[in-house]
């Protein structure tokens, strides 16, 4: 995630800073014009922060924006992950539902955020 966007989010959630809602995630300045290749010379912690998939889904589910920059490691220059079609779970493992399915939109004239709603327990036969 772009470090400037993250700084605006931190100001928003910090009571003392009293920042405004950060708006959509803006990762465009990290990428070349093709929208996929990272610009040269970017430093983790200076220009961007690597976050795991779950954190990305939470931020993106609340604020939108992008584009997503998905990598195998928390390094913008690392290889993208293998194609999802080539990743296979063993038969005995169960894939959890997408994180966003646990969210419900909250209506507010001033904020665009979502709150977590408890998921109903499910019984799964393996």
N, C-alpha and C. Protein backbone atom coordinates (compact mmCIF):
# COMPACT_ATOMS: atom_id res chain seq x y z
N UNK A 1 0.86 -1.18 0.00
CA UNK A 1 0.00 0.00 0.00
C UNK A 1 0.90 1.24 0.00
N UNK A 2 0.50 2.22 -0.80
CA UNK A 2 1.25 3.47 -0.87
C UNK A 2 1.39 4.08 0.52
N UNK A 3 2.60 4.46 0.87
CA UNK A 3 2.91 5.00 2.20
C UNK A 3 2.17 6.31 2.46
N UNK A 4 1.96 7.14 1.44
CA UNK A 4 1.22 8.39 1.63
C UNK A 4 -0.23 8.12 2.00
N UNK A 5 -0.86 7.13 1.31
CA UNK A 5 -2.23 6.79 1.66
C UNK A 5 -2.29 6.25 3.09
N UNK A 6 -1.35 5.38 3.43
CA UNK A 6 -1.32 4.80 4.76
C UNK A 6 -1.13 5.88 5.83
N UNK A 7 -0.31 6.88 5.55
CA UNK A 7 -0.11 7.99 6.50
C UNK A 7 -1.42 8.76 6.70
N UNK A 8 -2.18 8.95 5.63
CA UNK A 8 -3.46 9.66 5.77
C UNK A 8 -4.45 8.81 6.57
N UNK A 9 -4.41 7.48 6.39
CA UNK A 9 -5.27 6.60 7.18
C UNK A 9 -4.88 6.66 8.66
N UNK A 10 -3.57 6.63 8.95
CA UNK A 10 -3.11 6.70 10.33
C UNK A 10 -3.54 8.01 11.00
N UNK A 11 -3.49 9.11 10.24
CA UNK A 11 -3.95 10.40 10.79
C UNK A 11 -5.45 10.34 11.07
N UNK A 12 -6.19 9.64 10.22
CA UNK A 12 -7.64 9.52 10.39
C UNK A 12 -7.99 8.72 11.65
N UNK A 13 -7.28 7.63 11.92
CA UNK A 13 -7.61 6.79 13.07
C UNK A 13 -6.97 7.27 14.37
N UNK A 14 -6.04 8.23 14.30
CA UNK A 14 -5.39 8.77 15.48
C UNK A 14 -6.25 9.91 16.04
N UNK A 15 -6.76 9.72 17.26
CA UNK A 15 -7.63 10.73 17.87
C UNK A 15 -6.97 12.10 17.97
N UNK A 16 -5.68 12.14 18.30
CA UNK A 16 -5.00 13.42 18.46
C UNK A 16 -4.79 14.15 17.14
N UNK A 17 -4.53 13.40 16.06
CA UNK A 17 -4.29 14.03 14.76
C UNK A 17 -5.59 14.53 14.13
N UNK A 18 -6.70 13.85 14.39
CA UNK A 18 -8.01 14.22 13.86
C UNK A 18 -7.99 14.43 12.36
N UNK A 19 -7.40 13.48 11.63
CA UNK A 19 -7.36 13.56 10.17
C UNK A 19 -8.71 13.24 9.56
N UNK A 20 -8.86 13.58 8.29
CA UNK A 20 -10.10 13.29 7.58
C UNK A 20 -10.06 11.87 7.01
N UNK A 21 -11.21 11.39 6.56
CA UNK A 21 -11.30 10.07 5.96
C UNK A 21 -10.34 10.01 4.77
N UNK A 22 -9.50 8.98 4.67
CA UNK A 22 -8.45 8.97 3.66
C UNK A 22 -8.90 8.80 2.22
N UNK A 23 -10.10 8.35 1.98
CA UNK A 23 -10.55 8.12 0.61
C UNK A 23 -9.99 6.81 0.07
N UNK A 24 -10.21 6.53 -1.22
CA UNK A 24 -9.77 5.26 -1.81
C UNK A 24 -8.24 5.10 -1.75
N UNK A 25 -7.81 3.85 -1.67
CA UNK A 25 -6.37 3.54 -1.71
C UNK A 25 -5.83 4.01 -3.05
N UNK A 26 -4.66 4.64 -3.03
CA UNK A 26 -4.07 5.18 -4.25
C UNK A 26 -2.67 4.60 -4.45
N UNK A 27 -2.59 3.49 -5.15
CA UNK A 27 -1.30 2.84 -5.41
C UNK A 27 -0.71 3.21 -6.77
N UNK A 28 -1.39 4.05 -7.54
CA UNK A 28 -0.95 4.35 -8.90
C UNK A 28 0.47 4.90 -8.97
N UNK A 29 0.85 5.74 -8.01
CA UNK A 29 2.18 6.38 -8.09
C UNK A 29 3.32 5.38 -7.89
N UNK A 30 3.00 4.16 -7.43
CA UNK A 30 4.03 3.13 -7.24
C UNK A 30 4.32 2.35 -8.53
N UNK A 31 3.45 2.50 -9.54
CA UNK A 31 3.55 1.67 -10.74
C UNK A 31 3.85 2.50 -11.99
N UNK A 32 4.49 1.83 -12.95
CA UNK A 32 4.73 2.43 -14.26
C UNK A 32 3.39 2.62 -14.98
N UNK A 33 3.42 3.24 -16.15
CA UNK A 33 2.21 3.53 -16.89
C UNK A 33 1.43 2.28 -17.28
N UNK A 34 2.09 1.12 -17.34
CA UNK A 34 1.38 -0.12 -17.68
C UNK A 34 0.46 -0.59 -16.56
N UNK A 35 0.57 0.03 -15.37
CA UNK A 35 -0.28 -0.31 -14.24
C UNK A 35 0.08 -1.60 -13.54
N UNK A 36 1.22 -2.22 -13.91
CA UNK A 36 1.61 -3.50 -13.32
C UNK A 36 3.05 -3.50 -12.82
N UNK A 37 3.94 -2.84 -13.53
CA UNK A 37 5.37 -2.86 -13.21
C UNK A 37 5.69 -1.81 -12.15
N UNK A 38 6.32 -2.22 -11.03
CA UNK A 38 6.70 -1.23 -10.02
C UNK A 38 7.75 -0.26 -10.56
N UNK A 39 7.64 0.99 -10.18
CA UNK A 39 8.66 1.97 -10.56
C UNK A 39 9.98 1.61 -9.91
N UNK A 40 11.07 1.99 -10.52
CA UNK A 40 12.41 1.70 -9.99
C UNK A 40 12.69 2.55 -8.75
N UNK A 41 13.46 2.00 -7.83
CA UNK A 41 13.95 2.75 -6.68
C UNK A 41 13.00 2.87 -5.51
N UNK A 42 11.89 2.15 -5.50
CA UNK A 42 10.97 2.23 -4.38
C UNK A 42 11.53 1.47 -3.18
N UNK A 43 11.37 2.04 -2.00
CA UNK A 43 11.86 1.40 -0.78
C UNK A 43 10.70 1.10 0.16
N UNK A 44 10.67 -0.14 0.66
CA UNK A 44 9.64 -0.54 1.63
C UNK A 44 9.82 0.31 2.89
N UNK A 45 8.72 0.83 3.40
CA UNK A 45 8.76 1.68 4.59
C UNK A 45 8.93 3.15 4.26
N UNK A 46 9.43 3.46 3.07
CA UNK A 46 9.60 4.85 2.64
C UNK A 46 8.50 5.21 1.63
N UNK A 47 8.34 4.39 0.60
CA UNK A 47 7.37 4.64 -0.46
C UNK A 47 6.12 3.76 -0.34
N UNK A 48 6.26 2.60 0.24
CA UNK A 48 5.14 1.68 0.38
C UNK A 48 5.32 0.83 1.62
N UNK A 49 4.24 0.18 2.03
CA UNK A 49 4.28 -0.82 3.10
C UNK A 49 3.66 -2.09 2.55
N UNK A 50 4.34 -3.19 2.74
CA UNK A 50 3.78 -4.48 2.34
C UNK A 50 2.77 -4.94 3.38
N UNK A 51 1.62 -5.40 2.93
CA UNK A 51 0.60 -5.94 3.82
C UNK A 51 0.18 -7.31 3.30
N UNK A 52 -0.29 -8.17 4.19
CA UNK A 52 -0.74 -9.48 3.74
C UNK A 52 -2.13 -9.38 3.10
N UNK A 53 -2.55 -10.48 2.51
CA UNK A 53 -3.82 -10.50 1.77
C UNK A 53 -5.01 -10.11 2.66
N UNK A 54 -5.04 -10.57 3.90
CA UNK A 54 -6.16 -10.27 4.78
C UNK A 54 -6.25 -8.78 5.08
N UNK A 55 -5.11 -8.15 5.36
CA UNK A 55 -5.10 -6.70 5.62
C UNK A 55 -5.55 -5.95 4.37
N UNK A 56 -5.05 -6.35 3.20
CA UNK A 56 -5.47 -5.70 1.95
C UNK A 56 -6.98 -5.79 1.79
N UNK A 57 -7.57 -6.98 2.01
CA UNK A 57 -9.02 -7.14 1.84
C UNK A 57 -9.80 -6.27 2.81
N UNK A 58 -9.30 -6.10 4.01
CA UNK A 58 -9.98 -5.22 4.96
C UNK A 58 -9.92 -3.77 4.48
N UNK A 59 -8.72 -3.27 4.19
CA UNK A 59 -8.59 -1.89 3.70
C UNK A 59 -9.40 -1.68 2.42
N UNK A 60 -9.25 -2.58 1.46
CA UNK A 60 -9.94 -2.41 0.18
C UNK A 60 -11.45 -2.52 0.34
N UNK A 61 -11.90 -3.41 1.21
CA UNK A 61 -13.33 -3.55 1.45
C UNK A 61 -13.94 -2.30 2.05
N UNK A 62 -13.19 -1.57 2.84
CA UNK A 62 -13.68 -0.35 3.47
C UNK A 62 -13.51 0.86 2.57
N UNK A 63 -12.32 1.02 1.98
CA UNK A 63 -11.99 2.26 1.27
C UNK A 63 -11.98 2.15 -0.25
N UNK A 64 -11.91 0.93 -0.79
CA UNK A 64 -11.85 0.78 -2.25
C UNK A 64 -10.52 1.26 -2.79
N UNK A 65 -10.49 1.53 -4.08
CA UNK A 65 -9.27 2.03 -4.72
C UNK A 65 -8.37 0.93 -5.21
N UNK A 66 -7.10 1.25 -5.35
CA UNK A 66 -6.13 0.28 -5.84
C UNK A 66 -5.12 0.98 -6.72
N UNK A 67 -4.55 0.31 -7.65
CA UNK A 67 -4.76 -1.10 -7.98
C UNK A 67 -4.06 -2.01 -6.96
N UNK A 68 -4.50 -3.26 -6.92
CA UNK A 68 -3.86 -4.24 -6.05
C UNK A 68 -2.47 -4.54 -6.62
N UNK A 69 -1.50 -4.65 -5.74
CA UNK A 69 -0.14 -5.05 -6.12
C UNK A 69 0.15 -6.31 -5.32
N UNK A 70 -0.14 -7.45 -5.91
CA UNK A 70 -0.04 -8.72 -5.20
C UNK A 70 1.31 -9.38 -5.48
N UNK A 71 2.00 -9.77 -4.42
CA UNK A 71 3.32 -10.38 -4.54
C UNK A 71 3.40 -11.61 -3.64
N UNK A 72 4.39 -12.49 -3.91
CA UNK A 72 4.59 -13.68 -3.08
C UNK A 72 5.15 -13.32 -1.72
N UNK A 73 5.86 -12.20 -1.63
CA UNK A 73 6.45 -11.71 -0.38
C UNK A 73 6.06 -10.26 -0.20
N UNK A 74 6.32 -9.69 0.96
CA UNK A 74 5.99 -8.29 1.23
C UNK A 74 7.05 -7.36 0.64
N UNK A 75 7.36 -7.57 -0.61
CA UNK A 75 8.36 -6.79 -1.35
C UNK A 75 7.77 -6.49 -2.72
N UNK A 76 7.67 -5.22 -3.08
CA UNK A 76 7.03 -4.82 -4.33
C UNK A 76 7.73 -5.40 -5.56
N UNK A 77 9.03 -5.75 -5.42
CA UNK A 77 9.78 -6.30 -6.55
C UNK A 77 9.78 -7.83 -6.58
N UNK A 78 9.14 -8.47 -5.60
CA UNK A 78 9.04 -9.93 -5.59
C UNK A 78 8.12 -10.38 -6.73
N UNK A 79 8.20 -11.64 -7.07
CA UNK A 79 7.36 -12.19 -8.13
C UNK A 79 5.89 -12.18 -7.70
N UNK A 80 5.00 -11.98 -8.68
CA UNK A 80 3.57 -12.11 -8.36
C UNK A 80 3.28 -13.55 -7.94
N UNK A 81 2.18 -13.78 -7.24
CA UNK A 81 1.85 -15.14 -6.82
C UNK A 81 1.54 -16.03 -8.02
N UNK A 82 1.62 -17.34 -7.82
CA UNK A 82 1.24 -18.27 -8.86
C UNK A 82 -0.22 -18.04 -9.21
N UNK A 83 -0.57 -18.35 -10.43
CA UNK A 83 -1.96 -18.23 -10.85
C UNK A 83 -2.84 -19.04 -9.91
N UNK A 84 -3.98 -18.48 -9.53
CA UNK A 84 -4.87 -19.20 -8.62
C UNK A 84 -5.30 -20.55 -9.20
N UNK A 85 -5.37 -20.65 -10.50
CA UNK A 85 -5.78 -21.93 -11.11
C UNK A 85 -4.72 -23.00 -10.90
N UNK A 86 -3.46 -22.60 -10.65
CA UNK A 86 -2.39 -23.58 -10.42
C UNK A 86 -2.20 -23.89 -8.95
N UNK A 87 -2.81 -23.10 -8.06
CA UNK A 87 -2.71 -23.37 -6.63
C UNK A 87 -3.84 -24.32 -6.25
N UNK A 88 -3.49 -25.45 -5.67
CA UNK A 88 -4.51 -26.43 -5.31
C UNK A 88 -4.39 -26.78 -3.83
N UNK A 89 -5.55 -26.87 -3.17
CA UNK A 89 -5.59 -27.29 -1.79
C UNK A 89 -5.73 -28.81 -1.74
N UNK A 90 -5.09 -29.47 -0.79
CA UNK A 90 -5.33 -30.90 -0.63
C UNK A 90 -6.81 -31.15 -0.38
N UNK A 91 -7.30 -32.32 -0.74
CA UNK A 91 -8.72 -32.64 -0.63
C UNK A 91 -9.27 -32.45 0.78
N UNK A 92 -8.47 -32.72 1.82
CA UNK A 92 -8.98 -32.64 3.18
C UNK A 92 -9.04 -31.22 3.73
N UNK A 93 -8.45 -30.25 3.03
CA UNK A 93 -8.50 -28.86 3.50
C UNK A 93 -9.73 -28.17 2.92
N UNK A 94 -10.28 -27.27 3.68
CA UNK A 94 -11.47 -26.53 3.26
C UNK A 94 -11.08 -25.07 3.13
N UNK A 95 -11.43 -24.47 2.01
CA UNK A 95 -11.12 -23.07 1.81
C UNK A 95 -12.22 -22.23 2.44
N UNK A 96 -11.83 -21.26 3.26
CA UNK A 96 -12.78 -20.38 3.94
C UNK A 96 -13.43 -19.44 2.94
N UNK A 97 -14.62 -18.94 3.25
CA UNK A 97 -15.26 -17.97 2.36
C UNK A 97 -14.45 -16.68 2.32
N UNK A 98 -14.58 -15.89 1.26
CA UNK A 98 -13.84 -14.62 1.18
C UNK A 98 -14.13 -13.74 2.39
N UNK A 99 -13.11 -13.01 2.83
CA UNK A 99 -13.22 -12.16 4.01
C UNK A 99 -14.35 -11.16 3.87
N UNK A 100 -14.55 -10.62 2.67
CA UNK A 100 -15.56 -9.58 2.49
C UNK A 100 -16.97 -10.08 2.74
N UNK A 101 -17.22 -11.39 2.66
CA UNK A 101 -18.56 -11.90 2.89
C UNK A 101 -19.00 -11.71 4.33
N UNK A 102 -18.06 -11.45 5.24
CA UNK A 102 -18.41 -11.24 6.65
C UNK A 102 -18.73 -9.78 6.94
N UNK A 103 -18.75 -8.92 5.92
CA UNK A 103 -18.98 -7.50 6.12
C UNK A 103 -20.36 -7.09 5.64
N UNK A 104 -20.88 -6.06 6.26
CA UNK A 104 -22.16 -5.50 5.86
C UNK A 104 -21.98 -4.00 5.72
N UNK A 105 -22.50 -3.41 4.66
CA UNK A 105 -22.36 -1.98 4.44
C UNK A 105 -23.13 -1.20 5.51
N UNK A 106 -22.54 -0.15 6.02
CA UNK A 106 -23.17 0.72 7.00
C UNK A 106 -23.52 2.02 6.29
N UNK A 107 -24.77 2.45 6.39
CA UNK A 107 -25.18 3.70 5.76
C UNK A 107 -24.78 4.87 6.64
N UNK A 108 -24.08 5.83 6.06
CA UNK A 108 -23.70 7.04 6.77
C UNK A 108 -23.51 8.14 5.74
N UNK A 109 -24.04 9.33 5.98
CA UNK A 109 -23.85 10.41 5.01
C UNK A 109 -22.42 10.93 4.99
N UNK A 110 -21.60 10.61 6.02
CA UNK A 110 -20.26 11.17 6.10
C UNK A 110 -19.15 10.16 5.93
N UNK A 111 -19.42 8.90 6.20
CA UNK A 111 -18.37 7.89 6.15
C UNK A 111 -18.76 6.77 5.21
N UNK A 112 -17.78 6.17 4.59
CA UNK A 112 -17.99 4.98 3.78
C UNK A 112 -17.15 3.88 4.40
N UNK A 113 -17.69 3.21 5.40
CA UNK A 113 -16.96 2.12 6.03
C UNK A 113 -17.91 0.97 6.27
N UNK A 114 -17.35 -0.18 6.59
CA UNK A 114 -18.15 -1.36 6.83
C UNK A 114 -17.86 -1.89 8.21
N UNK A 115 -18.83 -2.56 8.80
CA UNK A 115 -18.58 -3.13 10.12
C UNK A 115 -18.74 -4.64 10.04
N UNK A 116 -17.98 -5.33 10.86
CA UNK A 116 -18.00 -6.78 10.86
C UNK A 116 -19.29 -7.27 11.50
N UNK A 117 -19.91 -8.21 10.86
CA UNK A 117 -21.09 -8.86 11.39
C UNK A 117 -20.71 -10.31 11.71
N UNK A 118 -21.19 -10.86 12.81
CA UNK A 118 -20.83 -12.24 13.14
C UNK A 118 -21.32 -13.20 12.08
N UNK A 119 -20.50 -14.17 11.76
CA UNK A 119 -20.88 -15.19 10.79
C UNK A 119 -21.60 -16.31 11.53
N UNK A 120 -22.56 -16.93 10.87
CA UNK A 120 -23.30 -18.03 11.46
C UNK A 120 -22.43 -19.28 11.44
N UNK A 121 -22.40 -20.05 12.55
CA UNK A 121 -21.61 -21.28 12.54
C UNK A 121 -22.14 -22.25 11.51
N UNK A 122 -21.24 -22.98 10.86
CA UNK A 122 -21.62 -23.94 9.84
C UNK A 122 -20.97 -25.28 10.15
N UNK A 123 -21.68 -26.34 9.85
CA UNK A 123 -21.15 -27.66 10.00
C UNK A 123 -20.70 -28.15 8.64
N UNK A 124 -19.48 -28.66 8.57
CA UNK A 124 -18.92 -29.12 7.29
C UNK A 124 -18.48 -30.57 7.45
N UNK A 125 -18.94 -31.43 6.57
CA UNK A 125 -18.52 -32.83 6.57
C UNK A 125 -17.29 -32.97 5.70
N UNK A 126 -16.25 -33.61 6.19
CA UNK A 126 -15.03 -33.80 5.37
C UNK A 126 -14.80 -35.24 5.08
